[in-house]
Amino acid sequence: MAEPETERWVGELAQLRREIAELRAEQRELAQAVQELAKTFRSLALHFGIASEPYPKPKRSETPRDVPGFA
């Protein structure tokens, strides 16, 4: 009797794995859609003048300077 019970559990586990894979695929699609939506809102905000592009920080090639008092 243990063998049919084991087969049932194996079948249920396989079904759960398929459902988890489907959920993960849906999550990836949703995350991509949210990123696209955020990009669209950002573009609209820039277009309408509600927001502005942040100033790019200058890239420094020199070593960071020591902060006074923290030597």
C-alpha atoms as a PDB file:
ATOM      1  CA  MET A   1       0.000   0.000   0.000  1.00  0.00           C
ATOM      2  CA  ALA A   2       2.935   2.317   0.468  1.00  0.00           C
ATOM      3  CA  GLU A   3       3.744   2.405  -3.238  1.00  0.00           C
ATOM      4  CA  PRO A   4       0.439   3.945  -4.469  1.00  0.00           C
ATOM      5  CA  GLU A   5       0.698   6.527  -1.674  1.00  0.00           C
ATOM      6  CA  THR A   6       4.241   7.396  -2.747  1.00  0.00           C
ATOM      7  CA  GLU A   7       3.180   7.695  -6.383  1.00  0.00           C
ATOM      8  CA  ARG A   8       0.354  10.024  -5.376  1.00  0.00           C
ATOM      9  CA  TRP A   9       2.765  12.268  -3.451  1.00  0.00           C
ATOM     10  CA  VAL A  10       5.231  12.292  -6.332  1.00  0.00           C
ATOM     11  CA  GLY A  11       2.427  13.298  -8.691  1.00  0.00           C
ATOM     12  CA  GLU A  12       1.282  16.084  -6.372  1.00  0.00           C
ATOM     13  CA  LEU A  13       4.841  17.362  -6.002  1.00  0.00           C
ATOM     14  CA  ALA A  14       5.265  17.413  -9.774  1.00  0.00           C
ATOM     15  CA  GLN A  15       2.012  19.372 -10.126  1.00  0.00           C
ATOM     16  CA  LEU A  16       3.147  21.864  -7.473  1.00  0.00           C
ATOM     17  CA  ARG A  17       6.482  22.319  -9.255  1.00  0.00           C
ATOM     18  CA  ARG A  18       4.646  23.091 -12.511  1.00  0.00           C
ATOM     19  CA  GLU A  19       2.408  25.613 -10.743  1.00  0.00           C
ATOM     20  CA  ILE A  20       5.408  27.290  -9.110  1.00  0.00           C
ATOM     21  CA  ALA A  21       7.162  27.523 -12.482  1.00  0.00           C
ATOM     22  CA  GLU A  22       4.051  29.140 -13.977  1.00  0.00           C
ATOM     23  CA  LEU A  23       3.817  31.614 -11.090  1.00  0.00           C
ATOM     24  CA  ARG A  24       7.471  32.561 -11.471  1.00  0.00           C
ATOM     25  CA  ALA A  25       6.978  33.143 -15.188  1.00  0.00           C
ATOM     26  CA  GLU A  26       3.975  35.355 -14.424  1.00  0.00           C
ATOM     27  CA  GLN A  27       6.012  37.258 -11.834  1.00  0.00           C
ATOM     28  CA  ARG A  28       8.763  37.921 -14.390  1.00  0.00           C
ATOM     29  CA  GLU A  29       6.185  39.197 -16.894  1.00  0.00           C
ATOM     30  CA  LEU A  30       4.580  41.398 -14.246  1.00  0.00           C
ATOM     31  CA  ALA A  31       7.945  42.811 -13.169  1.00  0.00           C
ATOM     32  CA  GLN A  32       8.750  43.662 -16.783  1.00  0.00           C
ATOM     33  CA  ALA A  33       5.362  45.346 -17.219  1.00  0.00           C
ATOM     34  CA  VAL A  34       5.903  47.391 -14.049  1.00  0.00           C
ATOM     35  CA  GLN A  35       9.338  48.492 -15.289  1.00  0.00           C
ATOM     36  CA  GLU A  36       7.839  49.561 -18.600  1.00  0.00           C
ATOM     37  CA  LEU A  37       5.071  51.438 -16.793  1.00  0.00           C
ATOM     38  CA  ALA A  38       7.565  53.250 -14.569  1.00  0.00           C
ATOM     39  CA  LYS A  39       9.622  54.158 -17.629  1.00  0.00           C
ATOM     40  CA  THR A  40       6.498  55.519 -19.340  1.00  0.00           C
ATOM     41  CA  PHE A  41       5.505  57.597 -16.298  1.00  0.00           C
ATOM     42  CA  ARG A  42       9.051  58.948 -16.005  1.00  0.00           C
ATOM     43  CA  SER A  43       9.033  59.915 -19.679  1.00  0.00           C
ATOM     44  CA  LEU A  44       5.656  61.624 -19.329  1.00  0.00           C
ATOM     45  CA  ALA A  45       6.775  63.490 -16.221  1.00  0.00           C
ATOM     46  CA  LEU A  46       9.855  64.736 -18.068  1.00  0.00           C
ATOM     47  CA  HIS A  47       7.779  65.685 -21.091  1.00  0.00           C
ATOM     48  CA  PHE A  48       5.264  67.682 -19.050  1.00  0.00           C
ATOM     49  CA  GLY A  49       7.961  69.323 -16.942  1.00  0.00           C
ATOM     50  CA  ILE A  50       6.784  67.743 -13.702  1.00  0.00           C
ATOM     51  CA  ALA A  51      10.175  66.167 -13.115  1.00  0.00           C
ATOM     52  CA  SER A  52      13.662  66.743 -14.393  1.00  0.00           C
ATOM     53  CA  GLU A  53      16.570  64.520 -15.219  1.00  0.00           C
ATOM     54  CA  PRO A  54      19.009  64.228 -12.346  1.00  0.00           C
ATOM     55  CA  TYR A  55      22.385  65.763 -12.969  1.00  0.00           C
ATOM     56  CA  PRO A  56      24.947  63.093 -13.719  1.00  0.00           C
ATOM     57  CA  LYS A  57      27.674  62.927 -11.125  1.00  0.00           C
ATOM     58  CA  PRO A  58      31.119  63.602 -12.524  1.00  0.00           C
ATOM     59  CA  LYS A  59      33.250  60.491 -12.625  1.00  0.00           C
ATOM     60  CA  ARG A  60      36.419  60.835 -10.634  1.00  0.00           C
ATOM     61  CA  SER A  61      39.531  59.017 -11.604  1.00  0.00           C
ATOM     62  CA  GLU A  62      41.463  60.243  -8.584  1.00  0.00           C
ATOM     63  CA  THR A  63      41.458  58.475  -5.251  1.00  0.00           C
ATOM     64  CA  PRO A  64      38.859  59.604  -2.738  1.00  0.00           C
ATOM     65  CA  ARG A  65      40.118  62.285  -0.411  1.00  0.00           C
ATOM     66  CA  ASP A  66      40.363  61.832   3.317  1.00  0.00           C
ATOM     67  CA  VAL A  67      37.527  63.254   5.355  1.00  0.00           C
ATOM     68  CA  PRO A  68      38.904  65.751   7.893  1.00  0.00           C
ATOM     69  CA  GLY A  69      38.900  64.431  11.453  1.00  0.00           C
ATOM     70  CA  PHE A  70      38.619  60.775  10.490  1.00  0.00           C
ATOM     71  CA  ALA A  71      42.248  59.798  10.080  1.00  0.00           C
END
